[in-house]
Amino acid sequence: FVRDLRFLLDQWAQVEQFIREEPAPCRLFEEPDLIGRTVRDFLTEEIDDVVCDDRGSTERMIEMIGQISRRARNRVHHYDSAMPIFETYGVQKQIDDAFHRQVWLKCGGYIVIDETEALVAIDVNTGRNKGGRDVEKTILQTNLEAADEIARQLRLRNIGGLIIADFIDMKSRKDQQAVYGLMKERLNRDKAKTHILPISQLGLMEMTRQRAQESLSDTIYENCPYCGGRGVVKTSMTTSVELHRTLNTVMRKYQESIHDIRVILNPGVLKRLKEEDEELLVELERRYAGRLTFRGDPTFHHEKFVITDANTGTELHA
């Protein structure tokens, strides 16, 4: 506390100096850059070493840290190997793993993390950890490893807001308390404020974590333009049914003026039409005395189709 207070007082003294000496308008203070934020927010007593592959940035960090603690300067090292620093320390693999929905545990179990607008749901499963005859011991082992990994993943992915963890059901109240105690201990190391409740009768653990900034997934990813962020698209059968209804309306509407109709659609849906729904299309042709032709276009969205006049190319609407 004393160290942080001294650092803040030095910053304020610098601001006051600018006020006295610099002509207005001028910038008195600004949020630190990445190097400054790293030193300010992450260089805690728990950090043993900081390794940086840029000499200029390394020297800046040493200088900034020296203003806070002279001893801490020895924890900053310059990395000058030919191999990329992320490969040497396995950082890239951890970044890639941070976006996997499923995370495996050492015991053979796994957790599944789903982020939604309302909350983050985490499901715990035994997976390959079938254990021996003592089922309760296997469940406890899986839940303990899951609690440890969940706390780590929350920090790694910078997940905030309401979080619900669905642990494997434990009959013993003692086992439930063991999992709750471990989770509470791990979250106490988190810089973000957290609030956690004991495991409920349904086996759910509710917690909140301070949302200081965007989660890692929100920073790296944006919604898929194909599905709009839903993560699902309509099946070929559903799109085929919708197309059949639309064709029925269009052919009835234009049965006196247009007899040759072309449909452009996704090849996956076209395959469904040819293999399973061909009789329905033949019936439409017979009913309205028209002729239907189809063209697959791989650039078309799975749910999209366009109905046109085969002779003029004019789009026809229901």
C-alpha atoms as a PDB file:
ATOM      1  CA  PHE A   1       0.000   0.000   0.000  1.00  0.00           C
ATOM      2  CA  VAL A   2       2.777   2.431   0.952  1.00  0.00           C
ATOM      3  CA  ARG A   3       4.596   1.696  -2.303  1.00  0.00           C
ATOM      4  CA  ASP A   4       1.487   2.307  -4.431  1.00  0.00           C
ATOM      5  CA  LEU A   5       0.691   5.491  -2.500  1.00  0.00           C
ATOM      6  CA  ARG A   6       4.177   6.863  -3.103  1.00  0.00           C
ATOM      7  CA  PHE A   7       3.911   6.067  -6.813  1.00  0.00           C
ATOM      8  CA  LEU A   8       0.545   7.851  -7.095  1.00  0.00           C
ATOM      9  CA  LEU A   9       1.831  10.880  -5.181  1.00  0.00           C
ATOM     10  CA  ASP A  10       4.789  11.112  -7.571  1.00  0.00           C
ATOM     11  CA  GLN A  11       2.394  11.010 -10.521  1.00  0.00           C
ATOM     12  CA  TRP A  12       0.247  13.744  -8.992  1.00  0.00           C
ATOM     13  CA  ALA A  13       3.316  15.888  -8.335  1.00  0.00           C
ATOM     14  CA  GLN A  14       4.183  15.554 -12.019  1.00  0.00           C
ATOM     15  CA  VAL A  15       0.659  16.646 -12.987  1.00  0.00           C
ATOM     16  CA  GLU A  16       0.932  19.698 -10.729  1.00  0.00           C
ATOM     17  CA  GLN A  17       4.279  20.560 -12.295  1.00  0.00           C
ATOM     18  CA  PHE A  18       2.718  20.460 -15.767  1.00  0.00           C
ATOM     19  CA  ILE A  19      -0.094  22.733 -14.546  1.00  0.00           C
ATOM     20  CA  ARG A  20       2.419  25.305 -13.348  1.00  0.00           C
ATOM     21  CA  GLU A  21       4.896  25.161 -16.218  1.00  0.00           C
ATOM     22  CA  GLU A  22       3.067  24.170 -19.426  1.00  0.00           C
ATOM     23  CA  PRO A  23       0.978  26.681 -21.408  1.00  0.00           C
ATOM     24  CA  ALA A  24      -2.690  25.780 -21.836  1.00  0.00           C
ATOM     25  CA  PRO A  25      -4.078  23.818 -23.505  1.00  0.00           C
ATOM     26  CA  CYS A  26      -1.829  20.849 -22.752  1.00  0.00           C
ATOM     27  CA  ARG A  27      -2.153  17.195 -21.812  1.00  0.00           C
ATOM     28  CA  LEU A  28      -1.623  16.730 -18.081  1.00  0.00           C
ATOM     29  CA  PHE A  29      -2.035  12.959 -17.830  1.00  0.00           C
ATOM     30  CA  GLU A  30      -2.860   9.988 -20.057  1.00  0.00           C
ATOM     31  CA  GLU A  31      -3.517   6.290 -19.594  1.00  0.00           C
ATOM     32  CA  PRO A  32      -0.226   4.333 -19.799  1.00  0.00           C
ATOM     33  CA  ASP A  33       0.573   2.310 -22.911  1.00  0.00           C
ATOM     34  CA  LEU A  34       0.859  -1.490 -22.948  1.00  0.00           C
ATOM     35  CA  ILE A  35       4.251  -1.485 -21.207  1.00  0.00           C
ATOM     36  CA  GLY A  36       3.015   0.873 -18.502  1.00  0.00           C
ATOM     37  CA  ARG A  37      -0.194  -1.103 -17.924  1.00  0.00           C
ATOM     38  CA  THR A  38       1.777  -4.344 -17.689  1.00  0.00           C
ATOM     39  CA  VAL A  39       4.001  -2.926 -14.960  1.00  0.00           C
ATOM     40  CA  ARG A  40       1.086  -1.300 -13.140  1.00  0.00           C
ATOM     41  CA  ASP A  41      -1.485  -4.100 -13.300  1.00  0.00           C
ATOM     42  CA  PHE A  42       0.393  -7.390 -13.534  1.00  0.00           C
ATOM     43  CA  LEU A  43       3.772  -7.075 -11.849  1.00  0.00           C
ATOM     44  CA  THR A  44       2.683  -8.312  -8.419  1.00  0.00           C
ATOM     45  CA  GLU A  45       4.555 -10.239  -5.741  1.00  0.00           C
ATOM     46  CA  GLU A  46       3.337 -13.501  -7.315  1.00  0.00           C
ATOM     47  CA  ILE A  47       5.283 -12.817 -10.533  1.00  0.00           C
ATOM     48  CA  ASP A  48       8.781 -14.321 -10.474  1.00  0.00           C
ATOM     49  CA  ASP A  49      10.109 -13.057 -13.804  1.00  0.00           C
ATOM     50  CA  VAL A  50       9.139 -10.834 -16.732  1.00  0.00           C
ATOM     51  CA  VAL A  51      10.731 -11.707 -20.081  1.00  0.00           C
ATOM     52  CA  CYS A  52      10.579  -9.282 -23.021  1.00  0.00           C
ATOM     53  CA  ASP A  53      12.039  -9.724 -26.521  1.00  0.00           C
ATOM     54  CA  ASP A  54      12.404  -5.982 -27.219  1.00  0.00           C
ATOM     55  CA  ARG A  55      15.430  -4.322 -25.625  1.00  0.00           C
ATOM     56  CA  GLY A  56      13.921  -0.827 -25.593  1.00  0.00           C
ATOM     57  CA  SER A  57      10.745  -2.038 -23.881  1.00  0.00           C
ATOM     58  CA  THR A  58      12.816  -4.060 -21.408  1.00  0.00           C
ATOM     59  CA  GLU A  59      14.812  -0.978 -20.415  1.00  0.00           C
ATOM     60  CA  ARG A  60      11.598   1.046 -20.058  1.00  0.00           C
ATOM     61  CA  MET A  61      10.112  -1.559 -17.735  1.00  0.00           C
ATOM     62  CA  ILE A  62      13.262  -1.685 -15.619  1.00  0.00           C
ATOM     63  CA  GLU A  63      13.181   2.101 -15.315  1.00  0.00           C
ATOM     64  CA  MET A  64       9.476   2.179 -14.387  1.00  0.00           C
ATOM     65  CA  ILE A  65       9.811  -0.665 -11.892  1.00  0.00           C
ATOM     66  CA  GLY A  66      12.817   1.058 -10.324  1.00  0.00           C
ATOM     67  CA  GLN A  67      10.541   3.938  -9.333  1.00  0.00           C
ATOM     68  CA  ILE A  68       8.453   1.499  -7.309  1.00  0.00           C
ATOM     69  CA  SER A  69      10.943  -1.076  -6.037  1.00  0.00           C
ATOM     70  CA  ARG A  70      14.657  -1.347  -6.773  1.00  0.00           C
ATOM     71  CA  ARG A  71      14.744  -5.056  -5.938  1.00  0.00           C
ATOM     72  CA  ALA A  72      11.945  -5.814  -8.416  1.00  0.00           C
ATOM     73  CA  ARG A  73      14.114  -4.613 -11.313  1.00  0.00           C
ATOM     74  CA  ASN A  74      16.031  -7.903 -11.174  1.00  0.00           C
ATOM     75  CA  ARG A  75      12.872  -9.754 -12.227  1.00  0.00           C
ATOM     76  CA  VAL A  76      12.866  -8.188 -15.713  1.00  0.00           C
ATOM     77  CA  HIS A  77      14.999  -9.930 -18.349  1.00  0.00           C
ATOM     78  CA  HIS A  78      15.673  -9.354 -22.027  1.00  0.00           C
ATOM     79  CA  TYR A  79      15.062 -12.319 -24.354  1.00  0.00           C
ATOM     80  CA  ASP A  80      17.472 -12.460 -27.298  1.00  0.00           C
ATOM     81  CA  SER A  81      17.141 -16.026 -28.626  1.00  0.00           C
ATOM     82  CA  ALA A  82      16.510 -16.670 -32.336  1.00  0.00           C
ATOM     83  CA  MET A  83      13.421 -18.750 -31.528  1.00  0.00           C
ATOM     84  CA  PRO A  84      10.242 -16.623 -31.118  1.00  0.00           C
ATOM     85  CA  ILE A  85       9.512 -15.950 -27.456  1.00  0.00           C
ATOM     86  CA  PHE A  86       5.934 -17.283 -27.691  1.00  0.00           C
ATOM     87  CA  GLU A  87       7.222 -20.635 -28.957  1.00  0.00           C
ATOM     88  CA  THR A  88       9.900 -20.906 -26.278  1.00  0.00           C
ATOM     89  CA  TYR A  89       7.430 -20.433 -23.430  1.00  0.00           C
ATOM     90  CA  GLY A  90       4.449 -22.150 -25.084  1.00  0.00           C
ATOM     91  CA  VAL A  91       2.369 -18.969 -24.999  1.00  0.00           C
ATOM     92  CA  GLN A  92       0.837 -19.438 -28.447  1.00  0.00           C
ATOM     93  CA  LYS A  93      -0.544 -22.851 -27.477  1.00  0.00           C
ATOM     94  CA  GLN A  94      -2.125 -21.363 -24.358  1.00  0.00           C
ATOM     95  CA  ILE A  95      -3.699 -18.595 -26.454  1.00  0.00           C
ATOM     96  CA  ASP A  96      -5.110 -21.176 -28.867  1.00  0.00           C
ATOM     97  CA  ASP A  97      -6.394 -23.309 -25.976  1.00  0.00           C
ATOM     98  CA  ALA A  98      -8.122 -20.264 -24.483  1.00  0.00           C
ATOM     99  CA  PHE A  99     -10.655 -20.331 -27.324  1.00  0.00           C
ATOM    100  CA  HIS A 100     -11.508 -24.013 -27.139  1.00  0.00           C
ATOM    101  CA  ARG A 101     -15.007 -24.635 -25.835  1.00  0.00           C
ATOM    102  CA  GLN A 102     -13.865 -27.893 -24.227  1.00  0.00           C
ATOM    103  CA  VAL A 103     -10.924 -27.990 -21.801  1.00  0.00           C
ATOM    104  CA  TRP A 104      -9.474 -31.338 -20.733  1.00  0.00           C
ATOM    105  CA  LEU A 105      -8.402 -32.042 -17.153  1.00  0.00           C
ATOM    106  CA  LYS A 106      -5.386 -34.135 -16.113  1.00  0.00           C
ATOM    107  CA  CYS A 107      -7.629 -36.816 -14.606  1.00  0.00           C
ATOM    108  CA  GLY A 108      -9.371 -37.420 -17.949  1.00  0.00           C
ATOM    109  CA  GLY A 109     -12.456 -35.342 -17.232  1.00  0.00           C
ATOM    110  CA  TYR A 110     -13.242 -32.079 -18.979  1.00  0.00           C
ATOM    111  CA  ILE A 111     -15.126 -28.813 -18.645  1.00  0.00           C
ATOM    112  CA  VAL A 112     -17.228 -27.078 -21.302  1.00  0.00           C
ATOM    113  CA  ILE A 113     -17.397 -23.268 -21.286  1.00  0.00           C
ATOM    114  CA  ASP A 114     -20.239 -21.437 -23.052  1.00  0.00           C
ATOM    115  CA  GLU A 115     -20.356 -17.625 -23.020  1.00  0.00           C
ATOM    116  CA  THR A 116     -23.786 -16.050 -23.591  1.00  0.00           C
ATOM    117  CA  GLU A 117     -25.209 -12.538 -23.234  1.00  0.00           C
ATOM    118  CA  ALA A 118     -26.818 -13.301 -19.869  1.00  0.00           C
ATOM    119  CA  LEU A 119     -24.218 -15.515 -18.194  1.00  0.00           C
ATOM    120  CA  VAL A 120     -21.315 -17.908 -18.627  1.00  0.00           C
ATOM    121  CA  ALA A 121     -22.230 -21.583 -18.203  1.00  0.00           C
ATOM    122  CA  ILE A 122     -19.545 -24.117 -17.276  1.00  0.00           C
ATOM    123  CA  ASP A 123     -20.336 -27.831 -17.302  1.00  0.00           C
ATOM    124  CA  VAL A 124     -18.119 -30.444 -15.622  1.00  0.00           C
ATOM    125  CA  ASN A 125     -17.950 -34.014 -16.978  1.00  0.00           C
ATOM    126  CA  THR A 126     -16.026 -37.132 -15.943  1.00  0.00           C
ATOM    127  CA  GLY A 127     -15.102 -37.879 -19.574  1.00  0.00           C
ATOM    128  CA  ARG A 128     -12.448 -40.605 -19.672  1.00  0.00           C
ATOM    129  CA  ASN A 129     -12.042 -40.580 -15.883  1.00  0.00           C
ATOM    130  CA  LYS A 130     -14.190 -43.599 -15.071  1.00  0.00           C
ATOM    131  CA  GLY A 131     -12.152 -44.403 -11.949  1.00  0.00           C
ATOM    132  CA  GLY A 132     -12.410 -47.651 -10.025  1.00  0.00           C
ATOM    133  CA  ARG A 133     -15.028 -48.952  -7.669  1.00  0.00           C
ATOM    134  CA  ASP A 134     -15.076 -45.787  -5.558  1.00  0.00           C
ATOM    135  CA  VAL A 135     -17.328 -43.608  -7.708  1.00  0.00           C
ATOM    136  CA  GLU A 136     -17.577 -40.827  -5.119  1.00  0.00           C
ATOM    137  CA  LYS A 137     -13.783 -40.506  -5.005  1.00  0.00           C
ATOM    138  CA  THR A 138     -13.644 -40.273  -8.799  1.00  0.00           C
ATOM    139  CA  ILE A 139     -16.313 -37.570  -8.821  1.00  0.00           C
ATOM    140  CA  LEU A 140     -14.542 -35.586  -6.093  1.00  0.00           C
ATOM    141  CA  GLN A 141     -11.212 -35.795  -7.925  1.00  0.00           C
ATOM    142  CA  THR A 142     -12.802 -34.571 -11.161  1.00  0.00           C
ATOM    143  CA  ASN A 143     -14.645 -31.727  -9.426  1.00  0.00           C
ATOM    144  CA  LEU A 144     -11.513 -30.573  -7.568  1.00  0.00           C
ATOM    145  CA  GLU A 145      -9.484 -30.472 -10.771  1.00  0.00           C
ATOM    146  CA  ALA A 146     -12.383 -28.714 -12.491  1.00  0.00           C
ATOM    147  CA  ALA A 147     -12.548 -26.049  -9.763  1.00  0.00           C
ATOM    148  CA  ASP A 148      -8.833 -25.366 -10.123  1.00  0.00           C
ATOM    149  CA  GLU A 149      -9.078 -25.164 -13.924  1.00  0.00           C
ATOM    150  CA  ILE A 150     -12.236 -23.016 -13.882  1.00  0.00           C
ATOM    151  CA  ALA A 151     -10.509 -20.393 -11.723  1.00  0.00           C
ATOM    152  CA  ARG A 152      -7.563 -20.426 -14.136  1.00  0.00           C
ATOM    153  CA  GLN A 153      -9.764 -20.173 -17.222  1.00  0.00           C
ATOM    154  CA  LEU A 154     -11.700 -17.219 -15.791  1.00  0.00           C
ATOM    155  CA  ARG A 155      -8.447 -15.275 -15.477  1.00  0.00           C
ATOM    156  CA  LEU A 156      -6.999 -16.522 -18.760  1.00  0.00           C
ATOM    157  CA  ARG A 157     -10.124 -15.661 -20.774  1.00  0.00           C
ATOM    158  CA  ASN A 158     -10.864 -12.540 -18.700  1.00  0.00           C
ATOM    159  CA  ILE A 159     -14.450 -13.698 -18.221  1.00  0.00           C
ATOM    160  CA  GLY A 160     -16.696 -11.415 -16.183  1.00  0.00           C
ATOM    161  CA  GLY A 161     -20.311 -11.155 -15.076  1.00  0.00           C
ATOM    162  CA  LEU A 162     -22.511 -13.980 -13.806  1.00  0.00           C
ATOM    163  CA  ILE A 163     -20.938 -17.449 -13.957  1.00  0.00           C
ATOM    164  CA  ILE A 164     -22.729 -20.746 -13.273  1.00  0.00           C
ATOM    165  CA  ALA A 165     -20.649 -23.904 -12.810  1.00  0.00           C
ATOM    166  CA  ASP A 166     -22.500 -27.232 -12.994  1.00  0.00           C
ATOM    167  CA  PHE A 167     -20.366 -29.710 -11.060  1.00  0.00           C
ATOM    168  CA  ILE A 168     -20.922 -33.457 -11.053  1.00  0.00           C
ATOM    169  CA  ASP A 169     -23.414 -34.320  -8.302  1.00  0.00           C
ATOM    170  CA  MET A 170     -21.787 -35.099  -4.937  1.00  0.00           C
ATOM    171  CA  LYS A 171     -23.796 -36.763  -2.182  1.00  0.00           C
ATOM    172  CA  SER A 172     -21.348 -35.904   0.585  1.00  0.00           C
ATOM    173  CA  ARG A 173     -21.643 -32.421   2.058  1.00  0.00           C
ATOM    174  CA  LYS A 174     -17.977 -32.696   3.024  1.00  0.00           C
ATOM    175  CA  ASP A 175     -16.991 -33.192  -0.628  1.00  0.00           C
ATOM    176  CA  GLN A 176     -19.105 -30.214  -1.668  1.00  0.00           C
ATOM    177  CA  GLN A 177     -17.367 -28.034   0.911  1.00  0.00           C
ATOM    178  CA  ALA A 178     -13.959 -29.247  -0.302  1.00  0.00           C
ATOM    179  CA  VAL A 179     -14.741 -28.139  -3.869  1.00  0.00           C
ATOM    180  CA  TYR A 180     -16.214 -24.838  -2.664  1.00  0.00           C
ATOM    181  CA  GLY A 181     -13.189 -24.178  -0.444  1.00  0.00           C
ATOM    182  CA  LEU A 182     -10.717 -24.850  -3.257  1.00  0.00           C
ATOM    183  CA  MET A 183     -12.611 -22.603  -5.661  1.00  0.00           C
ATOM    184  CA  LYS A 184     -12.735 -19.824  -3.085  1.00  0.00           C
ATOM    185  CA  GLU A 185      -9.001 -20.159  -2.421  1.00  0.00           C
ATOM    186  CA  ARG A 186      -8.141 -20.008  -6.136  1.00  0.00           C
ATOM    187  CA  LEU A 187     -10.377 -17.000  -6.755  1.00  0.00           C
ATOM    188  CA  ASN A 188      -8.766 -15.115  -3.872  1.00  0.00           C
ATOM    189  CA  ARG A 189      -5.645 -14.894  -6.058  1.00  0.00           C
ATOM    190  CA  ASP A 190      -7.636 -13.117  -8.764  1.00  0.00           C
ATOM    191  CA  LYS A 191      -7.090  -9.366  -9.114  1.00  0.00           C
ATOM    192  CA  ALA A 192     -10.697  -8.951 -10.278  1.00  0.00           C
ATOM    193  CA  LYS A 193     -13.314  -8.848  -7.526  1.00  0.00           C
ATOM    194  CA  THR A 194     -15.234 -12.104  -7.211  1.00  0.00           C
ATOM    195  CA  HIS A 195     -18.199 -13.263  -5.159  1.00  0.00           C
ATOM    196  CA  ILE A 196     -18.958 -16.965  -4.850  1.00  0.00           C
ATOM    197  CA  LEU A 197     -21.807 -18.965  -3.301  1.00  0.00           C
ATOM    198  CA  PRO A 198     -21.643 -22.569  -1.986  1.00  0.00           C
ATOM    199  CA  ILE A 199     -22.809 -25.428  -4.183  1.00  0.00           C
ATOM    200  CA  SER A 200     -26.604 -25.587  -4.263  1.00  0.00           C
ATOM    201  CA  GLN A 201     -28.806 -28.669  -3.921  1.00  0.00           C
ATOM    202  CA  LEU A 202     -28.852 -28.894  -7.713  1.00  0.00           C
ATOM    203  CA  GLY A 203     -25.057 -29.102  -7.839  1.00  0.00           C
ATOM    204  CA  LEU A 204     -24.675 -25.552  -9.194  1.00  0.00           C
ATOM    205  CA  MET A 205     -22.099 -23.043  -8.011  1.00  0.00           C
ATOM    206  CA  GLU A 206     -22.962 -19.397  -8.667  1.00  0.00           C
ATOM    207  CA  MET A 207     -20.342 -16.682  -8.772  1.00  0.00           C
ATOM    208  CA  THR A 208     -19.727 -13.227 -10.159  1.00  0.00           C
ATOM    209  CA  ARG A 209     -16.464 -11.784 -11.433  1.00  0.00           C
ATOM    210  CA  GLN A 210     -15.767  -8.118 -11.985  1.00  0.00           C
ATOM    211  CA  ARG A 211     -16.061  -7.171 -15.645  1.00  0.00           C
ATOM    212  CA  ALA A 212     -13.259  -4.617 -15.971  1.00  0.00           C
ATOM    213  CA  GLN A 213     -12.963  -4.883 -19.749  1.00  0.00           C
ATOM    214  CA  GLU A 214     -13.958  -7.077 -22.694  1.00  0.00           C
ATOM    215  CA  SER A 215     -13.370 -10.801 -22.401  1.00  0.00           C
ATOM    216  CA  LEU A 216     -10.580 -12.337 -24.451  1.00  0.00           C
ATOM    217  CA  SER A 217     -13.041 -13.855 -26.945  1.00  0.00           C
ATOM    218  CA  ASP A 218     -14.807 -10.490 -27.453  1.00  0.00           C
ATOM    219  CA  THR A 219     -11.432  -8.846 -28.074  1.00  0.00           C
ATOM    220  CA  ILE A 220     -10.223 -11.419 -30.613  1.00  0.00           C
ATOM    221  CA  TYR A 221     -13.438 -12.482 -32.349  1.00  0.00           C
ATOM    222  CA  GLU A 222     -16.483 -10.867 -33.934  1.00  0.00           C
ATOM    223  CA  ASN A 223     -19.820 -12.440 -34.836  1.00  0.00           C
ATOM    224  CA  CYS A 224     -19.752 -14.735 -37.847  1.00  0.00           C
ATOM    225  CA  PRO A 225     -21.284 -12.938 -40.869  1.00  0.00           C
ATOM    226  CA  TYR A 226     -22.672 -16.284 -42.045  1.00  0.00           C
ATOM    227  CA  CYS A 227     -24.793 -17.243 -39.030  1.00  0.00           C
ATOM    228  CA  GLY A 228     -24.908 -13.836 -37.294  1.00  0.00           C
ATOM    229  CA  GLY A 229     -23.302 -15.195 -34.151  1.00  0.00           C
ATOM    230  CA  ARG A 230     -25.963 -17.849 -33.534  1.00  0.00           C
ATOM    231  CA  GLY A 231     -23.578 -20.716 -34.195  1.00  0.00           C
ATOM    232  CA  VAL A 232     -26.285 -22.651 -36.083  1.00  0.00           C
ATOM    233  CA  VAL A 233     -27.974 -22.558 -39.498  1.00  0.00           C
ATOM    234  CA  LYS A 234     -31.191 -24.115 -40.740  1.00  0.00           C
ATOM    235  CA  THR A 235     -30.996 -27.701 -41.944  1.00  0.00           C
ATOM    236  CA  SER A 236     -31.229 -28.526 -45.642  1.00  0.00           C
ATOM    237  CA  MET A 237     -34.653 -30.051 -44.975  1.00  0.00           C
ATOM    238  CA  THR A 238     -35.957 -26.838 -43.375  1.00  0.00           C
ATOM    239  CA  THR A 239     -34.670 -24.659 -46.218  1.00  0.00           C
ATOM    240  CA  SER A 240     -36.131 -27.123 -48.740  1.00  0.00           C
ATOM    241  CA  VAL A 241     -39.561 -26.899 -47.075  1.00  0.00           C
ATOM    242  CA  GLU A 242     -39.414 -23.082 -47.103  1.00  0.00           C
ATOM    243  CA  LEU A 243     -38.395 -23.102 -50.769  1.00  0.00           C
ATOM    244  CA  HIS A 244     -41.281 -25.427 -51.654  1.00  0.00           C
ATOM    245  CA  ARG A 245     -43.785 -23.105 -49.958  1.00  0.00           C
ATOM    246  CA  THR A 246     -42.322 -20.037 -51.675  1.00  0.00           C
ATOM    247  CA  LEU A 247     -42.326 -21.751 -55.084  1.00  0.00           C
ATOM    248  CA  ASN A 248     -45.954 -22.726 -54.607  1.00  0.00           C
ATOM    249  CA  THR A 249     -46.867 -19.073 -53.994  1.00  0.00           C
ATOM    250  CA  VAL A 250     -44.701 -17.702 -56.839  1.00  0.00           C
ATOM    251  CA  MET A 251     -45.895 -20.204 -59.447  1.00  0.00           C
ATOM    252  CA  ARG A 252     -49.530 -19.585 -58.546  1.00  0.00           C
ATOM    253  CA  LYS A 253     -48.955 -15.815 -58.741  1.00  0.00           C
ATOM    254  CA  TYR A 254     -47.243 -15.904 -62.164  1.00  0.00           C
ATOM    255  CA  GLN A 255     -48.914 -18.984 -63.704  1.00  0.00           C
ATOM    256  CA  GLU A 256     -50.514 -16.935 -66.501  1.00  0.00           C
ATOM    257  CA  SER A 257     -47.374 -14.999 -67.523  1.00  0.00           C
ATOM    258  CA  ILE A 258     -44.215 -16.920 -66.582  1.00  0.00           C
ATOM    259  CA  HIS A 259     -43.756 -20.635 -67.190  1.00  0.00           C
ATOM    260  CA  ASP A 260     -39.969 -21.106 -66.991  1.00  0.00           C
ATOM    261  CA  ILE A 261     -38.587 -20.511 -63.504  1.00  0.00           C
ATOM    262  CA  ARG A 262     -34.997 -20.861 -62.313  1.00  0.00           C
ATOM    263  CA  VAL A 263     -33.977 -21.266 -58.674  1.00  0.00           C
ATOM    264  CA  ILE A 264     -30.456 -20.405 -57.478  1.00  0.00           C
ATOM    265  CA  LEU A 265     -29.510 -21.894 -54.114  1.00  0.00           C
ATOM    266  CA  ASN A 266     -26.793 -23.474 -51.988  1.00  0.00           C
ATOM    267  CA  PRO A 267     -25.488 -26.822 -53.386  1.00  0.00           C
ATOM    268  CA  GLY A 268     -26.206 -28.586 -50.092  1.00  0.00           C
ATOM    269  CA  VAL A 269     -29.896 -27.717 -50.294  1.00  0.00           C
ATOM    270  CA  LEU A 270     -29.959 -28.554 -54.014  1.00  0.00           C
ATOM    271  CA  LYS A 271     -28.673 -32.031 -53.191  1.00  0.00           C
ATOM    272  CA  ARG A 272     -31.540 -32.486 -50.745  1.00  0.00           C
ATOM    273  CA  LEU A 273     -34.058 -31.401 -53.418  1.00  0.00           C
ATOM    274  CA  LYS A 274     -32.727 -33.866 -55.988  1.00  0.00           C
ATOM    275  CA  GLU A 275     -32.439 -36.833 -53.646  1.00  0.00           C
ATOM    276  CA  GLU A 276     -35.516 -36.554 -51.423  1.00  0.00           C
ATOM    277  CA  ASP A 277     -37.908 -33.813 -52.556  1.00  0.00           C
ATOM    278  CA  GLU A 278     -37.980 -34.313 -56.321  1.00  0.00           C
ATOM    279  CA  GLU A 279     -41.558 -35.630 -56.362  1.00  0.00           C
ATOM    280  CA  LEU A 280     -42.811 -32.449 -54.671  1.00  0.00           C
ATOM    281  CA  LEU A 281     -41.183 -30.322 -57.379  1.00  0.00           C
ATOM    282  CA  VAL A 282     -42.652 -32.468 -60.161  1.00  0.00           C
ATOM    283  CA  GLU A 283     -46.078 -32.011 -58.575  1.00  0.00           C
ATOM    284  CA  LEU A 284     -45.613 -28.208 -58.613  1.00  0.00           C
ATOM    285  CA  GLU A 285     -44.708 -28.288 -62.316  1.00  0.00           C
ATOM    286  CA  ARG A 286     -47.779 -30.401 -63.076  1.00  0.00           C
ATOM    287  CA  ARG A 287     -50.116 -28.237 -60.994  1.00  0.00           C
ATOM    288  CA  TYR A 288     -49.096 -24.897 -62.534  1.00  0.00           C
ATOM    289  CA  ALA A 289     -47.999 -26.102 -65.999  1.00  0.00           C
ATOM    290  CA  GLY A 290     -44.533 -24.667 -65.469  1.00  0.00           C
ATOM    291  CA  ARG A 291     -40.914 -25.801 -65.730  1.00  0.00           C
ATOM    292  CA  LEU A 292     -38.404 -25.562 -62.908  1.00  0.00           C
ATOM    293  CA  THR A 293     -34.614 -25.490 -63.297  1.00  0.00           C
ATOM    294  CA  PHE A 294     -32.068 -25.268 -60.503  1.00  0.00           C
ATOM    295  CA  ARG A 295     -28.504 -23.971 -60.221  1.00  0.00           C
ATOM    296  CA  GLY A 296     -26.259 -24.497 -57.223  1.00  0.00           C
ATOM    297  CA  ASP A 297     -24.086 -21.572 -56.139  1.00  0.00           C
ATOM    298  CA  PRO A 298     -21.497 -22.311 -53.403  1.00  0.00           C
ATOM    299  CA  THR A 299     -21.345 -18.609 -52.501  1.00  0.00           C
ATOM    300  CA  PHE A 300     -24.987 -18.687 -51.390  1.00  0.00           C
ATOM    301  CA  HIS A 301     -25.793 -18.844 -47.676  1.00  0.00           C
ATOM    302  CA  HIS A 302     -27.224 -22.212 -46.651  1.00  0.00           C
ATOM    303  CA  GLU A 303     -30.584 -20.561 -45.939  1.00  0.00           C
ATOM    304  CA  LYS A 304     -30.687 -18.343 -49.044  1.00  0.00           C
ATOM    305  CA  PHE A 305     -32.380 -18.989 -52.375  1.00  0.00           C
ATOM    306  CA  VAL A 306     -33.394 -16.732 -55.275  1.00  0.00           C
ATOM    307  CA  ILE A 307     -36.295 -17.420 -57.657  1.00  0.00           C
ATOM    308  CA  THR A 308     -36.029 -15.815 -61.112  1.00  0.00           C
ATOM    309  CA  ASP A 309     -37.647 -15.764 -64.534  1.00  0.00           C
ATOM    310  CA  ALA A 310     -35.455 -18.220 -66.483  1.00  0.00           C
ATOM    311  CA  ASN A 311     -35.758 -16.147 -69.684  1.00  0.00           C
ATOM    312  CA  THR A 312     -35.166 -12.608 -68.384  1.00  0.00           C
ATOM    313  CA  GLY A 313     -33.349 -13.212 -65.084  1.00  0.00           C
ATOM    314  CA  THR A 314     -35.855 -11.001 -63.248  1.00  0.00           C
ATOM    315  CA  GLU A 315     -36.204 -11.942 -59.596  1.00  0.00           C
ATOM    316  CA  LEU A 316     -39.665 -13.153 -58.639  1.00  0.00           C
ATOM    317  CA  HIS A 317     -41.132 -12.495 -55.209  1.00  0.00           C
ATOM    318  CA  ALA A 318     -43.946 -14.276 -53.433  1.00  0.00           C
END
